[in-house]
Amino acid sequence: MLYLVARLTPQPDLFEETRTSVAGIVEPTRKEKGCLRFELHSDDEHLYLVEAWEDEAALEFHYAQDYTRMVMTANEARLEGPPRIEKMHLVA
């Protein structure tokens, strides 16, 4: 099993637009084969995607979906920098 947390830092004036854009892929992503968890969280400055996948292949399948690619491309200019992605494996 693969766990992932992605932190996105939208430009302050584009926070809501970015959040709406990312929220649009939550439901289709949850229906993907191999997706065990896909949640969007936020604080005052960041968006966080909290994810769990059966394996790396399931995550790569997710990245290859048209809706994933479209939202990633659309949000590139809305973010202050590239997303910070932490991949983890369950230890105990």
Foldseek 3Di string as FASTA:
>chain_A
DKKKKKKFFFDLVCVVVLVVLVVVCQVVLCPQPFWPDWDWDDDNGIIMTITDGNDPVSVVVVCPDPSNVVSQVVCCVGTPHDIDMDMDDDDD
